[in-house]
C-alpha atoms as a PDB file:
ATOM      1  CA  MET A   1     -14.158  -3.736 -20.757  1.00  0.00           C
ATOM      2  CA  SER A   2     -11.795  -1.786 -18.528  1.00  0.00           C
ATOM      3  CA  VAL A   3     -11.525   1.382 -16.451  1.00  0.00           C
ATOM      4  CA  THR A   4      -8.826   4.004 -16.859  1.00  0.00           C
ATOM      5  CA  ALA A   5      -7.488   5.583 -13.675  1.00  0.00           C
ATOM      6  CA  THR A   6      -6.540   9.259 -13.551  1.00  0.00           C
ATOM      7  CA  SER A   7      -2.897   8.151 -13.765  1.00  0.00           C
ATOM      8  CA  GLY A   8      -3.665   6.504 -17.116  1.00  0.00           C
ATOM      9  CA  THR A   9      -3.438   2.971 -15.749  1.00  0.00           C
ATOM     10  CA  ARG A  10      -6.036   0.626 -17.224  1.00  0.00           C
ATOM     11  CA  ILE A  11      -7.842  -1.657 -14.778  1.00  0.00           C
ATOM     12  CA  SER A  12      -9.540  -4.742 -16.222  1.00  0.00           C
ATOM     13  CA  HIS A  13     -13.200  -5.408 -15.496  1.00  0.00           C
ATOM     14  CA  ALA A  14     -12.256  -8.587 -13.582  1.00  0.00           C
ATOM     15  CA  LYS A  15      -9.869  -6.637 -11.340  1.00  0.00           C
ATOM     16  CA  LEU A  16     -12.474  -3.915 -10.852  1.00  0.00           C
ATOM     17  CA  ARG A  17     -14.984  -6.557  -9.715  1.00  0.00           C
ATOM     18  CA  ARG A  18     -12.437  -7.970  -7.224  1.00  0.00           C
ATOM     19  CA  LEU A  19     -11.781  -4.468  -5.855  1.00  0.00           C
ATOM     20  CA  GLU A  20     -15.531  -3.876  -5.539  1.00  0.00           C
ATOM     21  CA  ASP A  21     -16.097  -7.249  -3.873  1.00  0.00           C
ATOM     22  CA  ALA A  22     -13.348  -6.418  -1.373  1.00  0.00           C
ATOM     23  CA  GLY A  23     -15.049  -3.090  -0.604  1.00  0.00           C
ATOM     24  CA  LEU A  24     -12.070  -1.059  -1.829  1.00  0.00           C
ATOM     25  CA  VAL A  25     -13.780   0.881  -4.657  1.00  0.00           C
ATOM     26  CA  ALA A  26     -17.296   2.000  -5.523  1.00  0.00           C
ATOM     27  CA  ARG A  27     -18.817   2.767  -8.928  1.00  0.00           C
ATOM     28  CA  ASP A  28     -21.259   5.609  -9.468  1.00  0.00           C
ATOM     29  CA  THR A  29     -24.150   3.602 -10.899  1.00  0.00           C
ATOM     30  CA  GLY A  30     -26.045   6.819 -11.619  1.00  0.00           C
ATOM     31  CA  HIS A  31     -24.145   6.917 -14.916  1.00  0.00           C
ATOM     32  CA  PRO A  32     -24.622   4.217 -17.563  1.00  0.00           C
ATOM     33  CA  VAL A  33     -21.666   1.900 -18.208  1.00  0.00           C
ATOM     34  CA  HIS A  34     -21.374   2.896 -21.875  1.00  0.00           C
ATOM     35  CA  ALA A  35     -21.149   6.587 -20.884  1.00  0.00           C
ATOM     36  CA  GLY A  36     -18.442   5.871 -18.328  1.00  0.00           C
ATOM     37  CA  GLN A  37     -19.066   5.260 -14.675  1.00  0.00           C
ATOM     38  CA  PRO A  38     -16.910   7.180 -12.233  1.00  0.00           C
ATOM     39  CA  VAL A  39     -15.016   4.880  -9.866  1.00  0.00           C
ATOM     40  CA  ALA A  40     -13.756   6.149  -6.527  1.00  0.00           C
ATOM     41  CA  PRO A  41     -11.962   4.554  -3.591  1.00  0.00           C
ATOM     42  CA  ALA A  42     -14.306   3.466  -0.818  1.00  0.00           C
ATOM     43  CA  ASP A  43     -13.432   4.205   2.826  1.00  0.00           C
ATOM     44  CA  ALA A  44     -11.596   0.881   3.110  1.00  0.00           C
ATOM     45  CA  GLY A  45      -9.724   1.653  -0.122  1.00  0.00           C
ATOM     46  CA  ARG A  46      -8.647   5.065   1.156  1.00  0.00           C
ATOM     47  CA  ALA A  47      -7.448   3.503   4.405  1.00  0.00           C
ATOM     48  CA  ALA A  48      -5.468   0.870   2.479  1.00  0.00           C
ATOM     49  CA  LEU A  49      -3.874   3.534   0.270  1.00  0.00           C
ATOM     50  CA  PHE A  50      -3.005   5.678   3.282  1.00  0.00           C
ATOM     51  CA  ALA A  51      -1.420   2.722   5.077  1.00  0.00           C
ATOM     52  CA  ALA A  52       0.611   1.825   1.986  1.00  0.00           C
ATOM     53  CA  ARG A  53       1.901   5.380   1.586  1.00  0.00           C
ATOM     54  CA  ARG A  54       2.998   5.874   5.186  1.00  0.00           C
ATOM     55  CA  ALA A  55       6.744   5.748   5.532  1.00  0.00           C
ATOM     56  CA  PRO A  56       7.801   2.604   7.340  1.00  0.00           C
ATOM     57  CA  THR A  57       9.510   3.193  10.629  1.00  0.00           C
ATOM     58  CA  THR A  58      12.972   1.771  10.675  1.00  0.00           C
ATOM     59  CA  GLN A  59      14.846   0.896  13.771  1.00  0.00           C
ATOM     60  CA  THR A  60      18.420  -0.235  13.839  1.00  0.00           C
ATOM     61  CA  PRO A  61      18.512  -3.803  15.086  1.00  0.00           C
ATOM     62  CA  LYS A  62      20.462  -4.422  18.242  1.00  0.00           C
ATOM     63  CA  VAL A  63      23.224  -6.884  17.571  1.00  0.00           C
ATOM     64  CA  PRO A  64      23.637  -9.279  20.482  1.00  0.00           C
ATOM     65  CA  ALA A  65      27.130  -9.522  21.928  1.00  0.00           C
ATOM     66  CA  CYS A  66      29.015 -12.743  21.422  1.00  0.00           C
ATOM     67  CA  PRO A  67      28.979 -14.900  24.557  1.00  0.00           C
ATOM     68  CA  GLY A  68      32.090 -14.519  26.716  1.00  0.00           C
ATOM     69  CA  THR A  69      33.105 -11.108  25.345  1.00  0.00           C
ATOM     70  CA  SER A  70      33.242  -7.857  27.200  1.00  0.00           C
ATOM     71  CA  PRO A  71      31.106  -4.922  26.145  1.00  0.00           C
ATOM     72  CA  SER A  72      32.480  -3.156  23.107  1.00  0.00           C
ATOM     73  CA  THR A  73      34.890  -0.351  23.930  1.00  0.00           C
ATOM     74  CA  PRO A  74      37.206   1.537  21.622  1.00  0.00           C
ATOM     75  CA  ALA A  75      40.444  -0.343  21.082  1.00  0.00           C
ATOM     76  CA  GLN A  76      43.465   1.221  22.691  1.00  0.00           C
ATOM     77  CA  ARG A  77      46.480   1.678  20.465  1.00  0.00           C
ATOM     78  CA  ARG A  78      49.949   1.326  21.911  1.00  0.00           C
END
């Protein structure tokens, strides 16, 4: 037994149970299993999806100066 997501991805029953147990998805038990039960993300699932889709903030790391060197300045050409 499996569930098919709107994207076409098949989710096994075991994985569906793990997602349910984690509180990430909820099944509409008003429909019988053999007729197809709608599955939707729970609030925690929506929050997890939103967090995964946010663009990570990137900061350029500051490179520490080597000990005993002066601050970097453009080299002068002679």
